């Protein structure tokens, strides 16, 4: 896998000022997408959401399920990125190995994020409880979030992150918050194609 490179900066009018210097990357866990036989639908959505919030987004990594996911995560953590979001491979099929590749890299877990993601998902489909993703902090700096491989699951995840991500990153960096966040102030996640064959919430 080649080294990730920063993509274009945020558009005018974004929240770039409040996120100066924050770097993130999306890792897509999909053997079919990595082989070029399936179009990755969730990665671009997360990329666009991060850019809209002023993040410097590195080139998206699209890798096969299993060990390549762990390799991509390890590289991003080693590079000292602030945030890595994976999408895909969190379900219960034999090839879904993203949680197993993620957990050993986490120094601290943040289980409440995934609990809230599953809670919101069950409002639409009971299959949301099958998502096995983790979230946590690796290398004392990098926040890692496992999102499902479905557009619906990603939308739920971005909604949760929109409410807590600023505060979380500040805390990881050692900032002293005297008050808890009261709202997002952020635009909603970008719309996705409702005809996505992975929906409803398939592939969690």
N, C-alpha and C. Protein backbone atom coordinates (compact mmCIF):
# COMPACT_ATOMS: atom_id res chain seq x y z
N UNK A 1 0.85 -1.18 0.00
CA UNK A 1 0.00 0.00 0.00
C UNK A 1 0.88 1.23 0.00
N UNK A 2 0.59 2.18 -0.84
CA UNK A 2 1.38 3.39 -0.93
C UNK A 2 1.05 4.33 0.21
N UNK A 3 1.98 5.22 0.51
CA UNK A 3 1.76 6.17 1.59
C UNK A 3 0.60 7.08 1.25
N UNK A 4 -0.22 7.38 2.28
CA UNK A 4 -1.37 8.25 2.06
C UNK A 4 -0.93 9.68 1.87
N UNK A 5 -1.65 10.39 1.02
CA UNK A 5 -1.34 11.78 0.75
C UNK A 5 -2.57 12.63 1.06
N UNK A 6 -2.36 13.86 1.53
CA UNK A 6 -3.50 14.73 1.80
C UNK A 6 -4.27 15.03 0.52
N UNK A 7 -5.58 15.04 0.62
CA UNK A 7 -6.42 15.44 -0.51
C UNK A 7 -6.70 16.93 -0.39
N UNK A 8 -7.50 17.43 -1.33
CA UNK A 8 -7.79 18.86 -1.35
C UNK A 8 -8.36 19.31 -0.03
N UNK A 9 -8.06 20.56 0.34
CA UNK A 9 -8.52 21.11 1.60
C UNK A 9 -10.01 21.39 1.58
N UNK A 10 -10.55 21.82 2.72
CA UNK A 10 -11.97 22.08 2.83
C UNK A 10 -12.41 23.26 1.99
N UNK A 11 -13.65 23.22 1.60
CA UNK A 11 -14.20 24.30 0.79
C UNK A 11 -14.41 25.55 1.64
N UNK A 12 -14.53 26.67 0.97
CA UNK A 12 -14.78 27.92 1.68
C UNK A 12 -16.08 27.82 2.46
N UNK A 13 -16.08 28.41 3.66
CA UNK A 13 -17.29 28.37 4.47
C UNK A 13 -17.36 27.16 5.36
N UNK A 14 -16.36 26.29 5.33
CA UNK A 14 -16.36 25.12 6.19
C UNK A 14 -15.87 25.51 7.57
N UNK A 15 -15.68 24.51 8.44
CA UNK A 15 -15.24 24.76 9.80
C UNK A 15 -13.73 24.63 9.91
N UNK A 16 -13.00 25.00 8.87
CA UNK A 16 -11.56 24.79 8.84
C UNK A 16 -10.85 25.49 9.98
N UNK A 17 -11.33 26.66 10.36
CA UNK A 17 -10.65 27.41 11.39
C UNK A 17 -10.59 26.67 12.71
N UNK A 18 -11.66 25.95 13.06
CA UNK A 18 -11.71 25.26 14.35
C UNK A 18 -11.04 23.91 14.31
N UNK A 19 -10.59 23.47 13.13
CA UNK A 19 -9.99 22.16 13.00
C UNK A 19 -8.59 22.22 12.39
N UNK A 20 -7.97 23.40 12.47
CA UNK A 20 -6.67 23.58 11.83
C UNK A 20 -5.69 22.51 12.29
N UNK A 21 -5.08 21.87 11.30
CA UNK A 21 -4.06 20.89 11.61
C UNK A 21 -4.56 19.51 11.92
N UNK A 22 -5.85 19.29 11.94
CA UNK A 22 -6.38 17.96 12.24
C UNK A 22 -6.41 17.10 10.98
N UNK A 23 -5.84 15.92 11.10
CA UNK A 23 -5.74 15.02 9.95
C UNK A 23 -6.53 13.75 10.17
N UNK A 24 -7.18 13.28 9.13
CA UNK A 24 -7.96 12.06 9.22
C UNK A 24 -7.84 11.22 7.96
N UNK A 25 -8.19 9.96 8.07
CA UNK A 25 -8.19 9.06 6.93
C UNK A 25 -9.32 8.06 7.06
N UNK A 26 -9.86 7.68 5.93
CA UNK A 26 -10.89 6.64 5.87
C UNK A 26 -10.28 5.37 5.30
N UNK A 27 -10.54 4.26 5.96
CA UNK A 27 -10.10 2.95 5.48
C UNK A 27 -11.34 2.13 5.15
N UNK A 28 -11.43 1.71 3.92
CA UNK A 28 -12.57 0.91 3.45
C UNK A 28 -12.16 -0.56 3.46
N UNK A 29 -12.86 -1.35 4.23
CA UNK A 29 -12.59 -2.79 4.29
C UNK A 29 -13.57 -3.51 3.37
N UNK A 30 -13.11 -3.83 2.19
CA UNK A 30 -13.97 -4.51 1.22
C UNK A 30 -13.10 -5.22 0.20
N UNK A 31 -13.12 -6.53 0.23
CA UNK A 31 -12.33 -7.31 -0.72
C UNK A 31 -12.78 -7.03 -2.15
N UNK A 32 -14.08 -6.90 -2.36
CA UNK A 32 -14.59 -6.65 -3.71
C UNK A 32 -14.22 -5.25 -4.20
N UNK A 33 -14.33 -4.25 -3.33
CA UNK A 33 -13.96 -2.90 -3.74
C UNK A 33 -12.46 -2.81 -4.01
N UNK A 34 -11.67 -3.48 -3.18
CA UNK A 34 -10.21 -3.45 -3.38
C UNK A 34 -9.82 -4.10 -4.70
N UNK A 35 -10.62 -5.09 -5.13
CA UNK A 35 -10.34 -5.77 -6.39
C UNK A 35 -10.92 -5.04 -7.59
N UNK A 36 -11.68 -3.99 -7.34
CA UNK A 36 -12.25 -3.21 -8.43
C UNK A 36 -13.52 -3.77 -9.03
N UNK A 37 -14.15 -4.71 -8.33
CA UNK A 37 -15.38 -5.31 -8.86
C UNK A 37 -16.62 -4.74 -8.19
N UNK A 38 -16.43 -3.84 -7.26
CA UNK A 38 -17.55 -3.22 -6.55
C UNK A 38 -17.19 -1.78 -6.26
N UNK A 39 -18.14 -0.87 -6.43
CA UNK A 39 -17.90 0.54 -6.19
C UNK A 39 -18.09 0.86 -4.71
N UNK A 40 -17.07 1.42 -4.12
CA UNK A 40 -17.14 1.83 -2.72
C UNK A 40 -18.11 3.00 -2.58
N UNK A 41 -19.15 2.82 -1.81
CA UNK A 41 -20.16 3.86 -1.66
C UNK A 41 -20.05 4.62 -0.34
N UNK A 42 -19.47 4.01 0.67
CA UNK A 42 -19.45 4.65 1.98
C UNK A 42 -18.22 5.52 2.22
N UNK A 43 -17.08 5.11 1.69
CA UNK A 43 -15.87 5.90 1.88
C UNK A 43 -16.00 7.34 1.43
N UNK A 44 -16.52 7.59 0.21
CA UNK A 44 -16.66 8.97 -0.25
C UNK A 44 -17.58 9.80 0.64
N UNK A 45 -18.59 9.17 1.22
CA UNK A 45 -19.50 9.89 2.11
C UNK A 45 -18.77 10.38 3.35
N UNK A 46 -17.93 9.52 3.93
CA UNK A 46 -17.18 9.90 5.12
C UNK A 46 -16.14 10.96 4.78
N UNK A 47 -15.46 10.79 3.65
CA UNK A 47 -14.49 11.79 3.21
C UNK A 47 -15.15 13.17 3.10
N UNK A 48 -16.30 13.21 2.44
CA UNK A 48 -16.99 14.48 2.23
C UNK A 48 -17.41 15.11 3.55
N UNK A 49 -17.86 14.29 4.47
CA UNK A 49 -18.28 14.77 5.78
C UNK A 49 -17.10 15.39 6.53
N UNK A 50 -15.96 14.72 6.50
CA UNK A 50 -14.78 15.24 7.18
C UNK A 50 -14.32 16.56 6.57
N UNK A 51 -14.29 16.62 5.24
CA UNK A 51 -13.87 17.86 4.58
C UNK A 51 -14.83 19.01 4.91
N UNK A 52 -16.12 18.71 4.97
CA UNK A 52 -17.11 19.73 5.29
C UNK A 52 -16.91 20.28 6.69
N UNK A 53 -16.26 19.49 7.55
CA UNK A 53 -15.98 19.92 8.90
C UNK A 53 -14.55 20.44 9.06
N UNK A 54 -13.86 20.66 7.94
CA UNK A 54 -12.58 21.32 7.97
C UNK A 54 -11.38 20.44 8.19
N UNK A 55 -11.55 19.13 8.08
CA UNK A 55 -10.43 18.22 8.29
C UNK A 55 -9.54 18.14 7.05
N UNK A 56 -8.25 17.91 7.28
CA UNK A 56 -7.33 17.57 6.20
C UNK A 56 -7.42 16.06 6.02
N UNK A 57 -7.99 15.64 4.90
CA UNK A 57 -8.29 14.22 4.69
C UNK A 57 -7.25 13.59 3.78
N UNK A 58 -6.59 12.56 4.26
CA UNK A 58 -5.61 11.84 3.46
C UNK A 58 -6.32 10.91 2.47
N UNK A 59 -5.58 10.46 1.47
CA UNK A 59 -6.16 9.57 0.47
C UNK A 59 -6.82 8.37 1.14
N UNK A 60 -8.00 8.06 0.68
CA UNK A 60 -8.74 6.92 1.22
C UNK A 60 -8.02 5.62 0.89
N UNK A 61 -7.94 4.72 1.86
CA UNK A 61 -7.34 3.40 1.64
C UNK A 61 -8.45 2.39 1.46
N UNK A 62 -8.47 1.72 0.33
CA UNK A 62 -9.46 0.66 0.06
C UNK A 62 -8.70 -0.66 0.05
N UNK A 63 -8.96 -1.50 1.04
CA UNK A 63 -8.17 -2.71 1.23
C UNK A 63 -9.08 -3.92 1.37
N UNK A 64 -8.51 -5.09 1.16
CA UNK A 64 -9.25 -6.33 1.34
C UNK A 64 -9.53 -6.58 2.82
N UNK A 65 -10.55 -7.36 3.08
CA UNK A 65 -10.88 -7.71 4.46
C UNK A 65 -9.73 -8.47 5.11
N UNK A 66 -9.68 -8.38 6.45
CA UNK A 66 -8.68 -9.15 7.18
C UNK A 66 -7.42 -8.35 7.49
N UNK A 67 -6.27 -9.00 7.37
CA UNK A 67 -5.00 -8.39 7.76
C UNK A 67 -4.69 -7.07 7.06
N UNK A 68 -5.06 -6.89 5.79
CA UNK A 68 -4.79 -5.58 5.17
C UNK A 68 -5.43 -4.41 5.92
N UNK A 69 -6.55 -4.66 6.58
CA UNK A 69 -7.18 -3.61 7.38
C UNK A 69 -6.28 -3.25 8.55
N UNK A 70 -5.76 -4.25 9.23
CA UNK A 70 -4.86 -4.00 10.34
C UNK A 70 -3.60 -3.29 9.90
N UNK A 71 -3.07 -3.66 8.74
CA UNK A 71 -1.87 -3.00 8.23
C UNK A 71 -2.13 -1.53 7.95
N UNK A 72 -3.28 -1.22 7.34
CA UNK A 72 -3.62 0.16 7.02
C UNK A 72 -3.83 0.97 8.30
N UNK A 73 -4.48 0.36 9.27
CA UNK A 73 -4.68 1.04 10.55
C UNK A 73 -3.36 1.33 11.24
N UNK A 74 -2.49 0.33 11.26
CA UNK A 74 -1.19 0.50 11.92
C UNK A 74 -0.39 1.62 11.26
N UNK A 75 -0.46 1.71 9.93
CA UNK A 75 0.27 2.76 9.22
C UNK A 75 -0.27 4.14 9.57
N UNK A 76 -1.60 4.26 9.66
CA UNK A 76 -2.22 5.54 9.99
C UNK A 76 -1.88 5.96 11.42
N UNK A 77 -1.88 5.00 12.32
CA UNK A 77 -1.54 5.29 13.72
C UNK A 77 -0.07 5.68 13.83
N UNK A 78 0.79 4.97 13.13
CA UNK A 78 2.22 5.27 13.13
C UNK A 78 2.48 6.68 12.60
N UNK A 79 1.66 7.11 11.64
CA UNK A 79 1.81 8.44 11.05
C UNK A 79 1.31 9.54 11.98
N UNK A 80 0.65 9.17 13.06
CA UNK A 80 0.19 10.14 14.04
C UNK A 80 -1.05 10.90 13.64
N UNK A 81 -1.91 10.28 12.81
CA UNK A 81 -3.14 10.96 12.43
C UNK A 81 -4.05 11.16 13.64
N UNK A 82 -4.89 12.16 13.58
CA UNK A 82 -5.81 12.43 14.67
C UNK A 82 -7.01 11.48 14.66
N UNK A 83 -7.43 11.06 13.47
CA UNK A 83 -8.65 10.26 13.36
C UNK A 83 -8.54 9.28 12.21
N UNK A 84 -8.97 8.05 12.45
CA UNK A 84 -9.10 7.06 11.39
C UNK A 84 -10.49 6.44 11.52
N UNK A 85 -11.24 6.48 10.44
CA UNK A 85 -12.57 5.87 10.41
C UNK A 85 -12.53 4.72 9.42
N UNK A 86 -12.86 3.53 9.89
CA UNK A 86 -12.99 2.40 8.98
C UNK A 86 -14.46 2.21 8.64
N UNK A 87 -14.72 1.64 7.47
CA UNK A 87 -16.08 1.31 7.08
C UNK A 87 -16.07 -0.08 6.45
N UNK A 88 -16.93 -0.94 6.98
CA UNK A 88 -17.03 -2.30 6.47
C UNK A 88 -16.35 -3.32 7.36
N UNK A 89 -16.77 -4.56 7.20
CA UNK A 89 -16.14 -5.67 7.90
C UNK A 89 -16.48 -5.80 9.36
N UNK A 90 -17.60 -5.18 9.80
CA UNK A 90 -17.95 -5.23 11.23
C UNK A 90 -19.05 -6.23 11.54
N UNK A 91 -19.51 -6.96 10.54
CA UNK A 91 -20.61 -7.90 10.75
C UNK A 91 -20.15 -9.26 11.21
N UNK A 92 -20.93 -10.27 10.88
CA UNK A 92 -20.66 -11.62 11.40
C UNK A 92 -20.37 -12.63 10.30
N UNK A 93 -20.14 -12.18 9.07
CA UNK A 93 -19.79 -13.12 8.02
C UNK A 93 -18.35 -13.59 8.22
N UNK A 94 -17.96 -14.71 7.63
CA UNK A 94 -16.60 -15.23 7.84
C UNK A 94 -15.49 -14.27 7.46
N UNK A 95 -15.75 -13.36 6.53
CA UNK A 95 -14.70 -12.42 6.10
C UNK A 95 -14.68 -11.13 6.91
N UNK A 96 -15.67 -10.92 7.77
CA UNK A 96 -15.74 -9.68 8.56
C UNK A 96 -14.74 -9.75 9.71
N UNK A 97 -13.60 -9.08 9.53
CA UNK A 97 -12.53 -9.16 10.52
C UNK A 97 -12.04 -7.79 11.00
N UNK A 98 -12.76 -6.72 10.66
CA UNK A 98 -12.31 -5.40 11.07
C UNK A 98 -12.20 -5.25 12.59
N UNK A 99 -13.16 -5.73 13.37
CA UNK A 99 -13.01 -5.60 14.82
C UNK A 99 -11.78 -6.33 15.35
N UNK A 100 -11.51 -7.50 14.83
CA UNK A 100 -10.35 -8.27 15.28
C UNK A 100 -9.04 -7.59 14.91
N UNK A 101 -9.04 -6.86 13.80
CA UNK A 101 -7.84 -6.14 13.37
C UNK A 101 -7.67 -4.82 14.14
N UNK A 102 -8.76 -4.30 14.67
CA UNK A 102 -8.73 -3.01 15.35
C UNK A 102 -8.40 -3.13 16.83
N UNK A 103 -9.03 -4.04 17.53
CA UNK A 103 -8.93 -4.11 18.99
C UNK A 103 -7.51 -4.16 19.51
N UNK A 104 -6.61 -4.98 18.93
CA UNK A 104 -5.25 -5.04 19.48
C UNK A 104 -4.48 -3.72 19.39
N UNK A 105 -4.94 -2.81 18.57
CA UNK A 105 -4.23 -1.54 18.37
C UNK A 105 -4.70 -0.45 19.32
N UNK A 106 -5.79 -0.69 20.04
CA UNK A 106 -6.38 0.33 20.89
C UNK A 106 -5.80 0.30 22.29
N UNK A 107 -5.30 1.45 22.73
CA UNK A 107 -4.83 1.55 24.11
C UNK A 107 -5.97 1.83 25.07
N UNK A 108 -6.98 2.56 24.60
CA UNK A 108 -8.18 2.85 25.38
C UNK A 108 -9.39 2.60 24.49
N UNK A 109 -10.41 1.97 25.04
CA UNK A 109 -11.65 1.79 24.30
C UNK A 109 -12.64 2.88 24.66
N UNK A 110 -13.52 3.20 23.70
CA UNK A 110 -14.61 4.15 23.89
C UNK A 110 -15.92 3.44 23.56
N UNK A 111 -16.35 2.52 24.40
CA UNK A 111 -17.52 1.69 24.07
C UNK A 111 -18.82 2.45 23.92
N UNK A 112 -18.92 3.61 24.60
CA UNK A 112 -20.17 4.35 24.52
C UNK A 112 -20.51 4.82 23.12
N UNK A 113 -19.49 5.09 22.30
CA UNK A 113 -19.76 5.54 20.93
C UNK A 113 -20.45 4.44 20.15
N UNK A 114 -19.96 3.22 20.26
CA UNK A 114 -20.55 2.12 19.51
C UNK A 114 -21.91 1.73 20.07
N UNK A 115 -22.08 1.85 21.39
CA UNK A 115 -23.38 1.57 21.99
C UNK A 115 -24.43 2.53 21.45
N UNK A 116 -24.06 3.81 21.33
CA UNK A 116 -25.00 4.80 20.81
C UNK A 116 -25.28 4.57 19.33
N UNK A 117 -24.26 4.17 18.58
CA UNK A 117 -24.46 3.87 17.16
C UNK A 117 -25.45 2.73 16.99
N UNK A 118 -25.29 1.68 17.76
CA UNK A 118 -26.22 0.55 17.65
C UNK A 118 -27.62 0.94 18.12
N UNK A 119 -27.70 1.75 19.17
CA UNK A 119 -29.01 2.17 19.68
C UNK A 119 -29.77 2.94 18.61
N UNK A 120 -29.09 3.86 17.95
CA UNK A 120 -29.77 4.64 16.91
C UNK A 120 -30.13 3.77 15.71
N UNK A 121 -29.26 2.85 15.39
CA UNK A 121 -29.53 2.00 14.25
C UNK A 121 -30.75 1.12 14.42
N UNK A 122 -31.00 0.68 15.66
CA UNK A 122 -32.14 -0.20 15.89
C UNK A 122 -33.48 0.51 15.70
N UNK A 123 -33.46 1.84 15.63
CA UNK A 123 -34.69 2.57 15.34
C UNK A 123 -35.16 2.30 13.92
N UNK A 124 -34.22 1.87 13.07
CA UNK A 124 -34.53 1.57 11.67
C UNK A 124 -34.56 0.08 11.40
N UNK A 125 -33.61 -0.66 11.97
CA UNK A 125 -33.53 -2.09 11.71
C UNK A 125 -32.93 -2.82 12.91
N UNK A 126 -33.49 -3.96 13.28
CA UNK A 126 -32.91 -4.73 14.39
C UNK A 126 -31.53 -5.28 14.06
N UNK A 127 -31.18 -5.31 12.77
CA UNK A 127 -29.87 -5.83 12.36
C UNK A 127 -28.72 -4.96 12.86
N UNK A 128 -29.03 -3.75 13.34
CA UNK A 128 -27.98 -2.87 13.84
C UNK A 128 -27.23 -3.49 15.01
N UNK A 129 -27.90 -4.36 15.76
CA UNK A 129 -27.24 -4.95 16.93
C UNK A 129 -26.14 -5.94 16.53
N UNK A 130 -26.09 -6.30 15.24
CA UNK A 130 -25.08 -7.27 14.79
C UNK A 130 -23.73 -6.61 14.49
N UNK A 131 -23.68 -5.28 14.53
CA UNK A 131 -22.43 -4.59 14.28
C UNK A 131 -21.48 -4.82 15.45
N UNK A 132 -20.25 -5.26 15.16
CA UNK A 132 -19.30 -5.60 16.21
C UNK A 132 -18.15 -4.60 16.30
N UNK A 133 -18.32 -3.45 15.72
CA UNK A 133 -17.23 -2.49 15.65
C UNK A 133 -16.76 -1.97 17.00
N UNK A 134 -15.52 -1.47 16.99
CA UNK A 134 -14.92 -0.87 18.18
C UNK A 134 -14.61 0.60 17.91
N UNK A 135 -14.44 1.34 18.97
CA UNK A 135 -13.90 2.69 18.89
C UNK A 135 -12.96 2.89 20.07
N UNK A 136 -11.94 3.71 19.86
CA UNK A 136 -10.99 3.92 20.93
C UNK A 136 -9.85 4.81 20.51
N UNK A 137 -8.82 4.83 21.33
CA UNK A 137 -7.65 5.68 21.10
C UNK A 137 -6.42 4.79 20.98
N UNK A 138 -5.64 5.01 19.95
CA UNK A 138 -4.43 4.23 19.70
C UNK A 138 -3.23 5.16 19.72
N UNK A 139 -2.14 4.68 20.27
CA UNK A 139 -0.92 5.46 20.29
C UNK A 139 -1.04 6.77 21.06
N UNK A 140 -1.99 6.85 21.99
CA UNK A 140 -2.21 8.05 22.81
C UNK A 140 -2.58 9.28 22.00
N UNK A 141 -2.93 9.09 20.73
CA UNK A 141 -3.24 10.25 19.89
C UNK A 141 -4.35 10.00 18.89
N UNK A 142 -4.37 8.84 18.27
CA UNK A 142 -5.26 8.59 17.14
C UNK A 142 -6.58 7.99 17.58
N UNK A 143 -7.66 8.68 17.27
CA UNK A 143 -9.00 8.15 17.53
C UNK A 143 -9.37 7.23 16.37
N UNK A 144 -9.79 6.02 16.70
CA UNK A 144 -10.16 5.02 15.69
C UNK A 144 -11.63 4.67 15.88
N UNK A 145 -12.38 4.72 14.80
CA UNK A 145 -13.81 4.41 14.83
C UNK A 145 -14.11 3.37 13.75
N UNK A 146 -14.75 2.27 14.10
CA UNK A 146 -15.22 1.28 13.13
C UNK A 146 -16.67 1.56 12.80
N UNK A 147 -16.95 1.96 11.56
CA UNK A 147 -18.33 2.11 11.12
C UNK A 147 -18.72 0.94 10.22
N UNK A 148 -20.01 0.66 10.14
CA UNK A 148 -20.47 -0.42 9.27
C UNK A 148 -20.18 -0.13 7.80
N UNK A 149 -20.42 -1.13 6.96
CA UNK A 149 -20.19 -0.98 5.53
C UNK A 149 -21.43 -0.59 4.77
N UNK A 150 -22.50 -0.21 5.47
CA UNK A 150 -23.74 0.22 4.81
C UNK A 150 -23.87 1.72 4.88
N UNK A 151 -24.56 2.31 3.92
CA UNK A 151 -24.75 3.75 3.94
C UNK A 151 -25.59 4.18 5.14
N UNK A 152 -26.58 3.39 5.49
CA UNK A 152 -27.40 3.73 6.65
C UNK A 152 -26.59 3.71 7.93
N UNK A 153 -25.75 2.69 8.09
CA UNK A 153 -24.92 2.60 9.27
C UNK A 153 -23.92 3.75 9.35
N UNK A 154 -23.38 4.14 8.21
CA UNK A 154 -22.44 5.27 8.18
C UNK A 154 -23.15 6.56 8.55
N UNK A 155 -24.36 6.75 8.05
CA UNK A 155 -25.11 7.96 8.40
C UNK A 155 -25.34 8.03 9.90
N UNK A 156 -25.70 6.90 10.52
CA UNK A 156 -25.88 6.87 11.96
C UNK A 156 -24.59 7.22 12.68
N UNK A 157 -23.49 6.64 12.21
CA UNK A 157 -22.21 6.88 12.84
C UNK A 157 -21.78 8.34 12.75
N UNK A 158 -21.96 8.95 11.59
CA UNK A 158 -21.57 10.34 11.42
C UNK A 158 -22.46 11.27 12.26
N UNK A 159 -23.71 10.88 12.44
CA UNK A 159 -24.59 11.68 13.29
C UNK A 159 -24.09 11.67 14.73
N UNK A 160 -23.65 10.51 15.20
CA UNK A 160 -23.09 10.41 16.55
C UNK A 160 -21.80 11.23 16.65
N UNK A 161 -20.92 11.06 15.68
CA UNK A 161 -19.64 11.77 15.72
C UNK A 161 -19.83 13.28 15.63
N UNK A 162 -20.83 13.72 14.90
CA UNK A 162 -21.07 15.16 14.78
C UNK A 162 -21.35 15.82 16.12
N UNK A 163 -21.81 15.04 17.07
CA UNK A 163 -22.16 15.58 18.38
C UNK A 163 -21.00 15.55 19.37
N UNK A 164 -20.01 14.69 19.15
CA UNK A 164 -18.98 14.52 20.18
C UNK A 164 -17.55 14.63 19.66
N UNK A 165 -17.33 14.65 18.36
CA UNK A 165 -15.98 14.52 17.83
C UNK A 165 -15.07 15.69 18.22
N UNK A 166 -15.57 16.92 18.14
CA UNK A 166 -14.74 18.06 18.50
C UNK A 166 -14.24 17.92 19.94
N UNK A 167 -15.15 17.65 20.84
CA UNK A 167 -14.81 17.52 22.25
C UNK A 167 -13.83 16.37 22.46
N UNK A 168 -14.07 15.25 21.77
CA UNK A 168 -13.22 14.08 21.91
C UNK A 168 -11.79 14.38 21.48
N UNK A 169 -11.63 14.99 20.31
CA UNK A 169 -10.29 15.28 19.81
C UNK A 169 -9.57 16.26 20.73
N UNK A 170 -10.29 17.28 21.20
CA UNK A 170 -9.68 18.23 22.13
C UNK A 170 -9.20 17.53 23.39
N UNK A 171 -10.01 16.62 23.91
CA UNK A 171 -9.64 15.91 25.13
C UNK A 171 -8.42 15.03 24.90
N UNK A 172 -8.37 14.35 23.77
CA UNK A 172 -7.22 13.51 23.47
C UNK A 172 -5.95 14.36 23.38
N UNK A 173 -6.11 15.58 22.90
CA UNK A 173 -4.96 16.48 22.78
C UNK A 173 -4.60 17.15 24.10
N UNK A 174 -5.40 16.91 25.14
CA UNK A 174 -5.09 17.45 26.44
C UNK A 174 -5.74 18.77 26.77
N UNK A 175 -6.71 19.20 25.96
CA UNK A 175 -7.39 20.45 26.24
C UNK A 175 -8.26 20.31 27.48
N UNK A 176 -8.44 21.41 28.19
CA UNK A 176 -9.23 21.42 29.42
C UNK A 176 -10.60 22.00 29.13
N UNK A 177 -11.62 21.13 29.07
CA UNK A 177 -12.98 21.59 28.84
C UNK A 177 -13.69 21.75 30.17
N UNK A 178 -14.25 22.92 30.40
CA UNK A 178 -14.98 23.15 31.64
C UNK A 178 -16.46 22.85 31.49
N UNK A 179 -16.94 22.79 30.24
CA UNK A 179 -18.34 22.46 30.00
C UNK A 179 -18.43 21.41 28.92
N UNK A 180 -19.48 20.63 29.00
CA UNK A 180 -19.71 19.60 28.00
C UNK A 180 -20.35 20.21 26.77
N UNK A 181 -20.18 19.61 25.60
CA UNK A 181 -20.81 20.13 24.39
C UNK A 181 -22.32 20.07 24.50
N UNK A 182 -22.99 21.12 24.00
CA UNK A 182 -24.44 21.17 24.08
C UNK A 182 -25.12 20.95 22.75
N UNK A 183 -24.37 20.98 21.67
CA UNK A 183 -24.96 20.80 20.35
C UNK A 183 -23.87 20.68 19.33
N UNK A 184 -24.24 20.34 18.12
CA UNK A 184 -23.23 20.10 17.10
C UNK A 184 -22.84 21.36 16.36
N UNK A 185 -23.83 22.16 15.94
CA UNK A 185 -23.52 23.30 15.11
C UNK A 185 -23.00 22.90 13.74
N UNK A 186 -23.11 21.62 13.40
CA UNK A 186 -22.57 21.11 12.15
C UNK A 186 -23.68 20.73 11.19
N UNK A 187 -23.41 20.76 9.91
CA UNK A 187 -24.40 20.32 8.94
C UNK A 187 -24.60 18.83 9.03
N UNK A 188 -25.75 18.32 8.59
CA UNK A 188 -25.97 16.87 8.63
C UNK A 188 -25.04 16.15 7.67
N UNK A 189 -24.94 14.84 7.85
CA UNK A 189 -24.12 14.04 6.95
C UNK A 189 -24.66 14.12 5.53
N UNK A 190 -23.79 14.04 4.52
CA UNK A 190 -24.25 14.12 3.13
C UNK A 190 -25.24 13.01 2.81
N UNK A 191 -26.21 13.27 1.94
CA UNK A 191 -27.15 12.23 1.56
C UNK A 191 -26.47 11.13 0.78
N UNK A 192 -27.01 9.93 0.85
CA UNK A 192 -26.46 8.81 0.11
C UNK A 192 -27.52 8.21 -0.78
N UNK A 193 -27.09 7.36 -1.68
CA UNK A 193 -27.98 6.72 -2.64
C UNK A 193 -28.84 5.69 -1.94
N UNK A 194 -30.15 5.93 -1.88
CA UNK A 194 -31.05 5.02 -1.18
C UNK A 194 -31.15 3.68 -1.88
N UNK A 195 -30.67 3.61 -3.12
CA UNK A 195 -30.73 2.35 -3.85
C UNK A 195 -29.50 1.49 -3.62
N UNK A 196 -28.65 1.89 -2.71
CA UNK A 196 -27.45 1.12 -2.39
C UNK A 196 -27.83 -0.31 -2.08
N UNK A 197 -27.27 -1.29 -2.81
CA UNK A 197 -27.66 -2.67 -2.58
C UNK A 197 -27.27 -3.19 -1.20
N UNK A 198 -26.41 -2.45 -0.45
CA UNK A 198 -26.06 -2.89 0.89
C UNK A 198 -27.14 -2.51 1.92
N UNK A 199 -28.03 -1.60 1.59
CA UNK A 199 -29.07 -1.23 2.51
C UNK A 199 -30.24 -2.22 2.40
N UNK A 200 -31.11 -2.44 3.43
CA UNK A 200 -31.08 -1.64 4.63
C UNK A 200 -30.09 -2.18 5.67
N UNK A 201 -29.05 -1.40 5.93
CA UNK A 201 -28.08 -1.67 6.95
C UNK A 201 -27.42 -3.02 6.81
N UNK A 202 -27.36 -3.57 5.63
CA UNK A 202 -26.70 -4.85 5.42
C UNK A 202 -25.19 -4.65 5.48
N UNK A 203 -24.49 -5.57 6.01
CA UNK A 203 -23.05 -5.49 6.04
C UNK A 203 -22.50 -4.86 7.31
N UNK A 204 -23.37 -4.69 8.32
CA UNK A 204 -22.89 -4.15 9.58
C UNK A 204 -21.96 -5.14 10.23
